[in-house]
């Protein structure tokens, strides 16, 4: 797994979840490098990984916490689509991580004019 980039890991985790494969050892194996390299992930990779690994994995809390921290620390580079997708991913997995939503709300309100219809709908 060490040769896989963040997008490769995110794509694989997403595909496994979409196929309803609940192979916890495999998901745990994907979570480890994902968490190690989370700072390199794009907002979309963060969303895909969060959604896939937290829907059926025992590593939900670790992935959610790391994604929340990364998002909060990298808020300025997330953009409206990134913030929207991260919030959507947390909502889909029914993780009400209040510090993340608090952190997202202020920049979202300030940059509301940058949000398109899709961003607002999500």
Protein backbone atom coordinates (compact mmCIF):
# COMPACT_ATOMS: atom_id res chain seq x y z
CA UNK A 1 0.00 0.00 0.00
CA UNK A 2 2.97 2.32 0.43
CA UNK A 3 3.12 3.01 -3.31
CA UNK A 4 -0.52 4.13 -3.41
CA UNK A 5 -1.20 7.85 -3.36
CA UNK A 6 -4.08 9.45 -1.49
CA UNK A 7 -6.31 9.40 -4.57
CA UNK A 8 -5.61 5.70 -5.19
CA UNK A 9 -6.52 4.86 -1.62
CA UNK A 10 -9.64 7.04 -1.72
CA UNK A 11 -10.76 5.47 -5.00
CA UNK A 12 -10.17 1.93 -3.77
CA UNK A 13 -11.99 2.54 -0.49
CA UNK A 14 -14.90 4.14 -2.34
CA UNK A 15 -15.14 1.25 -4.83
CA UNK A 16 -15.06 -1.35 -2.05
CA UNK A 17 -17.85 0.41 -0.20
CA UNK A 18 -19.96 0.86 -3.36
CA UNK A 19 -19.70 -2.91 -3.94
CA UNK A 20 -20.87 -3.51 -0.35
CA UNK A 21 -17.75 -5.47 0.45
CA UNK A 22 -17.41 -5.42 4.21
CA UNK A 23 -13.86 -6.69 4.42
CA UNK A 24 -12.79 -5.01 7.65
CA UNK A 25 -9.13 -6.09 7.49
CA UNK A 26 -8.89 -4.61 3.98
CA UNK A 27 -10.56 -1.37 5.07
CA UNK A 28 -8.24 -1.17 8.08
CA UNK A 29 -5.29 -1.70 5.71
CA UNK A 30 -6.55 1.20 3.59
CA UNK A 31 -7.15 3.40 6.63
CA UNK A 32 -3.56 3.21 7.89
CA UNK A 33 -1.84 4.84 4.87
CA UNK A 34 -4.80 7.13 4.43
CA UNK A 35 -4.33 8.50 7.92
CA UNK A 36 -0.54 8.69 7.53
CA UNK A 37 -0.83 10.76 4.34
CA UNK A 38 -3.99 12.68 5.09
CA UNK A 39 -2.19 16.05 4.90
CA UNK A 40 -1.45 15.38 1.21
CA UNK A 41 -5.05 14.55 0.29
CA UNK A 42 -7.15 16.84 -1.86
CA UNK A 43 -10.56 17.87 -0.51
CA UNK A 44 -12.19 15.32 -2.84
CA UNK A 45 -9.87 12.55 -1.64
CA UNK A 46 -10.74 13.46 1.95
CA UNK A 47 -14.46 13.22 1.18
CA UNK A 48 -14.22 9.93 -0.67
CA UNK A 49 -12.03 8.34 1.98
CA UNK A 50 -14.18 9.63 4.83
CA UNK A 51 -17.39 8.39 3.21
CA UNK A 52 -16.02 4.97 2.33
CA UNK A 53 -14.06 4.15 5.45
CA UNK A 54 -16.57 5.41 7.97
CA UNK A 55 -19.63 3.74 6.48
CA UNK A 56 -18.54 0.21 7.21
CA UNK A 57 -15.29 0.31 9.08
CA UNK A 58 -14.29 -0.11 12.64
CA UNK A 59 -11.87 2.79 12.12
CA UNK A 60 -14.67 5.35 11.80
CA UNK A 61 -13.69 7.53 14.76
CA UNK A 62 -10.02 7.71 13.79
CA UNK A 63 -10.78 8.60 10.17
CA UNK A 64 -13.48 11.12 11.11
CA UNK A 65 -11.26 12.80 13.69
CA UNK A 66 -8.25 12.99 11.35
CA UNK A 67 -10.40 14.34 8.51
CA UNK A 68 -11.92 16.93 10.81
CA UNK A 69 -8.50 18.08 12.03
CA UNK A 70 -7.08 18.20 8.51
CA UNK A 71 -10.07 20.13 7.19
CA UNK A 72 -9.91 22.62 10.04
CA UNK A 73 -6.15 23.13 9.60
CA UNK A 74 -6.44 23.48 5.81
CA UNK A 75 -9.66 25.50 5.72
CA UNK A 76 -8.23 28.21 3.47
CA UNK A 77 -7.41 25.77 0.68
CA UNK A 78 -10.69 23.84 0.79
CA UNK A 79 -12.81 26.25 -1.23
CA UNK A 80 -16.59 26.19 -1.32
CA UNK A 81 -16.82 22.81 -3.05
CA UNK A 82 -14.35 21.21 -0.64
CA UNK A 83 -16.16 22.54 2.44
CA UNK A 84 -19.50 21.44 1.03
CA UNK A 85 -18.26 17.96 0.21
CA UNK A 86 -16.63 17.46 3.61
CA UNK A 87 -19.80 18.59 5.41
CA UNK A 88 -21.88 16.31 3.16
CA UNK A 89 -19.58 13.35 3.87
CA UNK A 90 -19.91 13.84 7.61
CA UNK A 91 -23.68 14.16 7.27
CA UNK A 92 -23.95 11.00 5.17
CA UNK A 93 -22.10 8.92 7.77
CA UNK A 94 -24.23 10.63 10.44
CA UNK A 95 -21.21 11.91 12.30
CA UNK A 96 -22.14 15.16 13.99
CA UNK A 97 -18.60 16.36 14.60
CA UNK A 98 -19.48 19.75 16.08
CA UNK A 99 -15.96 21.25 16.07
CA UNK A 100 -15.75 20.59 12.33
CA UNK A 101 -19.14 22.12 11.60
CA UNK A 102 -18.28 25.10 13.78
CA UNK A 103 -15.01 25.49 11.86
CA UNK A 104 -16.76 25.19 8.50
CA UNK A 105 -19.59 27.61 9.28
CA UNK A 106 -17.57 30.83 9.61
CA UNK A 107 -15.64 30.60 6.30
CA UNK A 108 -18.77 29.28 4.58
CA UNK A 109 -20.78 32.31 5.64
CA UNK A 110 -17.97 34.66 4.59
CA UNK A 111 -17.65 33.04 1.16
CA UNK A 112 -21.34 32.37 0.52
CA UNK A 113 -21.11 34.40 -2.69
CA UNK A 114 -18.67 31.76 -4.06
CA UNK A 115 -21.11 28.89 -3.57
CA UNK A 116 -22.98 27.71 -6.65
CA UNK A 117 -26.42 26.06 -6.67
CA UNK A 118 -24.94 22.58 -6.18
CA UNK A 119 -22.85 23.70 -3.20
CA UNK A 120 -25.90 25.23 -1.56
CA UNK A 121 -28.09 22.20 -2.30
CA UNK A 122 -25.66 19.83 -0.63
